[in-house]
Amino acid sequence: MESPTIEELKNVIALSDLPNEHLQWIIDHSEYQEYEDGAQIHKTGDAADEMIIMVEGSISFYMDVHGRLVFYYHFANDNQAGGVTGSLPYSRMKTYPGCSFAVGNTRTLHFNKIYFQELEHLNPDFIQRLIGYMTERAKSFATTQLQQEKVSALGQLSAGIAHELNNPASAINRMSSELHKRLALNYELTEKLLKQNIPAEHIQIGRAHV
């Protein structure tokens, strides 16, 4: 696998105006990776110790919510994500809170955060730009989390209402079934009484003692 060229890095929005020597420095301090469509790039709990530069393709991130993967964000080479993801400068994220997957055939550079300080000395404006992308990402994640919480709360409310509605309905069904049984038993007992040729006045006497 050959590392991407300087010209290819210039197509990444976040890096588009960096000098050639800075782009080459990033290439020299990064690890190149290729992923097929759908391949897992990171899983929940992996160390968040690198910035990922998307030379080609994009990455979808799914948050691990109580063991269930929920789609949260699609990182692409656009104005919102800038073609970068993973750990960005001054990020407090230590481990990944979910899983990320390649979308399409994806080519990436993995730039370890141990070089962030050196990169900041080399190009402080670029570091500030990356912080801007991280801030926008945090806002988007917060919005998505709020939406997920609302959906979850609505689901719990719906389940509670269904439970409350189901209990009276179940009770009515049980009472109806019991009445049906008793009515059938009443017909059966009446038939037996008639077969015994019991006078009507005896039945009235029996009712008086009930």
Protein backbone atom coordinates (compact mmCIF):
# COMPACT_ATOMS: atom_id res chain seq x y z
CA MET A 1 0.00 0.00 0.00
CA GLU A 2 1.38 3.36 -1.00
CA SER A 3 0.83 6.46 1.11
CA PRO A 4 -1.30 9.22 -0.42
CA THR A 5 0.42 12.03 -2.25
CA ILE A 6 0.55 15.69 -1.29
CA GLU A 7 -1.90 16.43 -4.09
CA GLU A 8 -4.38 13.94 -2.65
CA LEU A 9 -4.11 15.53 0.80
CA LYS A 10 -4.90 18.91 -0.73
CA ASN A 11 -8.32 17.49 -1.62
CA VAL A 12 -9.09 17.03 2.08
CA ILE A 13 -10.97 20.18 3.10
CA ALA A 14 -9.30 20.60 6.50
CA LEU A 15 -5.84 20.34 4.92
CA SER A 16 -6.50 22.04 1.58
CA ASP A 17 -4.49 25.23 2.19
CA LEU A 18 -1.55 23.77 4.12
CA PRO A 19 1.94 24.27 2.62
CA ASN A 20 3.42 21.29 0.83
CA GLU A 21 6.11 20.85 3.45
CA HIS A 22 3.50 20.61 6.22
CA LEU A 23 1.47 18.08 4.26
CA GLN A 24 4.58 16.00 3.69
CA TRP A 25 5.38 16.20 7.41
CA ILE A 26 1.90 14.86 8.22
CA ILE A 27 2.34 12.02 5.72
CA ASP A 28 5.73 11.14 7.20
CA HIS A 29 4.26 10.98 10.73
CA SER A 30 1.13 9.02 9.85
CA GLU A 31 0.21 5.41 9.22
CA TYR A 32 -1.67 4.65 6.01
CA GLN A 33 -4.66 2.26 6.04
CA GLU A 34 -7.21 1.01 3.53
CA TYR A 35 -10.67 -0.35 4.40
CA GLU A 36 -13.32 -2.09 2.32
CA ASP A 37 -16.90 -0.89 2.47
CA GLY A 38 -18.46 -1.84 5.82
CA ALA A 39 -15.15 -2.73 7.50
CA GLN A 40 -14.90 -1.83 11.18
CA ILE A 41 -12.30 0.81 11.92
CA HIS A 42 -12.73 1.14 15.69
CA LYS A 43 -14.85 -0.62 18.30
CA THR A 44 -16.19 0.47 21.67
CA GLY A 45 -13.37 0.83 24.20
CA ASP A 46 -10.53 1.23 21.70
CA ALA A 47 -7.99 3.86 22.67
CA ALA A 48 -8.79 7.24 21.10
CA ASP A 49 -5.19 8.17 20.41
CA GLU A 50 -5.13 9.24 16.76
CA MET A 51 -6.61 11.68 14.30
CA ILE A 52 -7.97 10.01 11.18
CA ILE A 53 -7.64 11.85 7.87
CA MET A 54 -10.02 10.58 5.20
CA VAL A 55 -8.20 10.63 1.88
CA GLU A 56 -11.00 8.70 0.18
CA GLY A 57 -14.40 7.41 1.32
CA SER A 58 -16.10 8.29 4.59
CA ILE A 59 -16.79 6.91 8.06
CA SER A 60 -20.03 6.33 9.98
CA PHE A 61 -20.01 6.36 13.76
CA TYR A 62 -22.45 4.40 15.95
CA MET A 63 -22.68 5.21 19.64
CA ASP A 64 -22.82 2.29 22.07
CA VAL A 65 -26.02 2.95 24.05
CA HIS A 66 -26.47 0.24 26.70
CA GLY A 67 -24.98 -2.37 24.38
CA ARG A 68 -26.99 -1.25 21.35
CA LEU A 69 -25.29 0.58 18.46
CA VAL A 70 -27.15 3.77 17.53
CA PHE A 71 -26.18 5.82 14.47
CA TYR A 72 -24.80 9.20 15.54
CA TYR A 73 -22.66 10.81 12.86
CA HIS A 74 -21.37 10.47 9.33
CA PHE A 75 -17.84 11.79 8.87
CA ALA A 76 -17.05 12.83 5.32
CA ASN A 77 -14.81 15.20 3.41
CA ASP A 78 -17.31 18.06 3.68
CA ASN A 79 -17.53 21.45 5.33
CA GLN A 80 -18.98 19.99 8.51
CA ALA A 81 -16.38 17.32 9.28
CA GLY A 82 -13.56 18.59 7.05
CA GLY A 83 -12.42 15.07 6.22
CA VAL A 84 -11.02 14.43 9.72
CA THR A 85 -12.26 12.40 12.68
CA GLY A 86 -10.99 10.46 15.68
CA SER A 87 -9.04 12.23 18.41
CA LEU A 88 -8.51 15.91 17.62
CA PRO A 89 -6.25 18.41 19.46
CA TYR A 90 -7.32 19.10 23.07
CA SER A 91 -9.98 16.40 22.95
CA ARG A 92 -10.63 14.80 26.36
CA MET A 93 -11.84 11.56 24.80
CA LYS A 94 -9.73 8.63 26.03
CA THR A 95 -11.55 5.69 24.48
CA TYR A 96 -14.12 5.37 21.71
CA PRO A 97 -17.73 5.33 23.04
CA GLY A 98 -18.92 3.36 20.04
CA CYS A 99 -17.96 1.77 16.73
CA SER A 100 -16.94 3.28 13.41
CA PHE A 101 -17.28 1.70 9.97
CA ALA A 102 -15.96 2.51 6.52
CA VAL A 103 -18.50 3.74 3.99
CA GLY A 104 -17.30 2.82 0.53
CA ASN A 105 -13.70 1.89 -0.15
CA THR A 106 -11.93 4.12 2.36
CA ARG A 107 -8.31 5.26 2.49
CA THR A 108 -7.07 6.95 5.64
CA LEU A 109 -4.04 8.41 7.35
CA HIS A 110 -3.78 7.79 11.11
CA PHE A 111 -1.91 10.59 12.86
CA ASN A 112 -1.03 9.79 16.49
CA LYS A 113 -1.86 12.48 19.05
CA ILE A 114 1.68 12.36 20.46
CA TYR A 115 2.58 14.61 17.51
CA PHE A 116 -0.13 17.22 18.20
CA GLN A 117 2.19 19.52 20.16
CA GLU A 118 4.81 19.42 17.43
CA LEU A 119 2.11 20.04 14.82
CA GLU A 120 0.89 23.04 16.80
CA HIS A 121 4.37 24.56 16.73
CA LEU A 122 4.54 23.85 13.03
CA ASN A 123 1.14 25.31 12.17
CA PRO A 124 -0.95 26.78 15.04
CA ASP A 125 -3.69 27.98 12.69
CA PHE A 126 -4.28 24.42 11.53
CA ILE A 127 -4.65 23.28 15.15
CA GLN A 128 -7.28 25.96 15.76
CA ARG A 129 -9.14 24.78 12.67
CA LEU A 130 -9.17 21.22 13.99
CA ILE A 131 -10.50 22.46 17.33
CA GLY A 132 -13.32 24.15 15.41
CA TYR A 133 -14.26 20.86 13.75
CA MET A 134 -14.18 19.15 17.17
CA THR A 135 -16.49 21.82 18.63
CA GLU A 136 -19.01 21.38 15.82
CA ARG A 137 -18.84 17.62 16.25
CA ALA A 138 -19.55 17.97 19.99
CA LYS A 139 -22.60 20.14 19.25
CA SER A 140 -23.92 17.62 16.73
CA PHE A 141 -23.38 14.74 19.17
CA ALA A 142 -25.21 16.65 21.92
CA THR A 143 -28.15 17.31 19.58
CA THR A 144 -28.31 13.66 18.53
CA GLN A 145 -28.11 12.50 22.14
CA LEU A 146 -31.01 14.80 23.10
CA GLN A 147 -33.07 13.43 20.21
CA GLN A 148 -32.28 9.86 21.26
CA GLU A 149 -33.32 10.62 24.85
CA LYS A 150 -36.61 12.11 23.63
CA VAL A 151 -37.29 9.05 21.46
CA SER A 152 -36.45 6.76 24.40
CA ALA A 153 -38.70 8.73 26.76
CA LEU A 154 -41.53 8.62 24.20
CA GLY A 155 -41.06 4.87 23.87
CA GLN A 156 -41.26 4.41 27.64
CA LEU A 157 -44.36 6.60 27.80
CA SER A 158 -46.03 4.62 25.00
CA ALA A 159 -45.19 1.35 26.75
CA GLY A 160 -46.63 2.68 30.01
CA ILE A 161 -49.85 3.81 28.34
CA ALA A 162 -50.18 0.48 26.54
CA HIS A 163 -49.70 -1.32 29.86
CA GLU A 164 -52.35 0.79 31.59
CA LEU A 165 -54.78 0.25 28.72
CA ASN A 166 -54.03 -3.45 28.54
CA ASN A 167 -54.75 -4.16 32.23
CA PRO A 168 -58.45 -3.08 32.17
CA ALA A 169 -58.89 -4.80 28.83
CA SER A 170 -57.47 -8.02 30.26
CA ALA A 171 -59.71 -7.77 33.29
CA ILE A 172 -62.80 -7.27 31.12
CA ASN A 173 -61.82 -10.25 28.98
CA ARG A 174 -61.42 -12.43 32.09
CA MET A 175 -64.79 -11.31 33.51
CA SER A 176 -66.51 -11.93 30.17
CA SER A 177 -65.03 -15.40 29.97
CA GLU A 178 -66.12 -16.19 33.54
CA LEU A 179 -69.69 -14.96 32.89
CA HIS A 180 -69.84 -17.10 29.75
CA LYS A 181 -68.81 -20.17 31.77
CA ARG A 182 -71.37 -19.47 34.49
CA LEU A 183 -74.15 -18.92 31.98
CA ALA A 184 -73.32 -22.23 30.31
CA LEU A 185 -73.27 -23.93 33.74
CA ASN A 186 -76.66 -22.38 34.59
CA TYR A 187 -78.22 -23.91 31.46
CA GLU A 188 -76.68 -27.25 32.33
CA LEU A 189 -78.01 -27.24 35.90
CA THR A 190 -81.47 -26.10 34.76
CA GLU A 191 -81.61 -28.99 32.33
CA LYS A 192 -80.70 -31.43 35.12
CA LEU A 193 -83.38 -29.99 37.40
CA LEU A 194 -86.06 -30.34 34.74
CA LYS A 195 -85.07 -33.96 34.16
CA GLN A 196 -85.69 -34.64 37.89
CA ASN A 197 -89.32 -33.43 37.62
CA ILE A 198 -88.90 -31.19 40.66
CA PRO A 199 -92.02 -29.06 41.32
CA ALA A 200 -91.63 -25.30 40.86
CA GLU A 201 -92.54 -24.58 44.51
CA HIS A 202 -89.52 -26.62 45.65
CA ILE A 203 -87.24 -24.44 43.52
CA GLN A 204 -88.74 -21.32 45.15
CA ILE A 205 -88.10 -22.85 48.62
CA GLY A 206 -84.48 -23.50 47.64
CA ARG A 207 -84.02 -19.87 46.50
CA ALA A 208 -85.34 -18.61 49.88
CA HIS A 209 -82.45 -20.34 51.64
CA VAL A 210 -79.72 -19.04 49.34
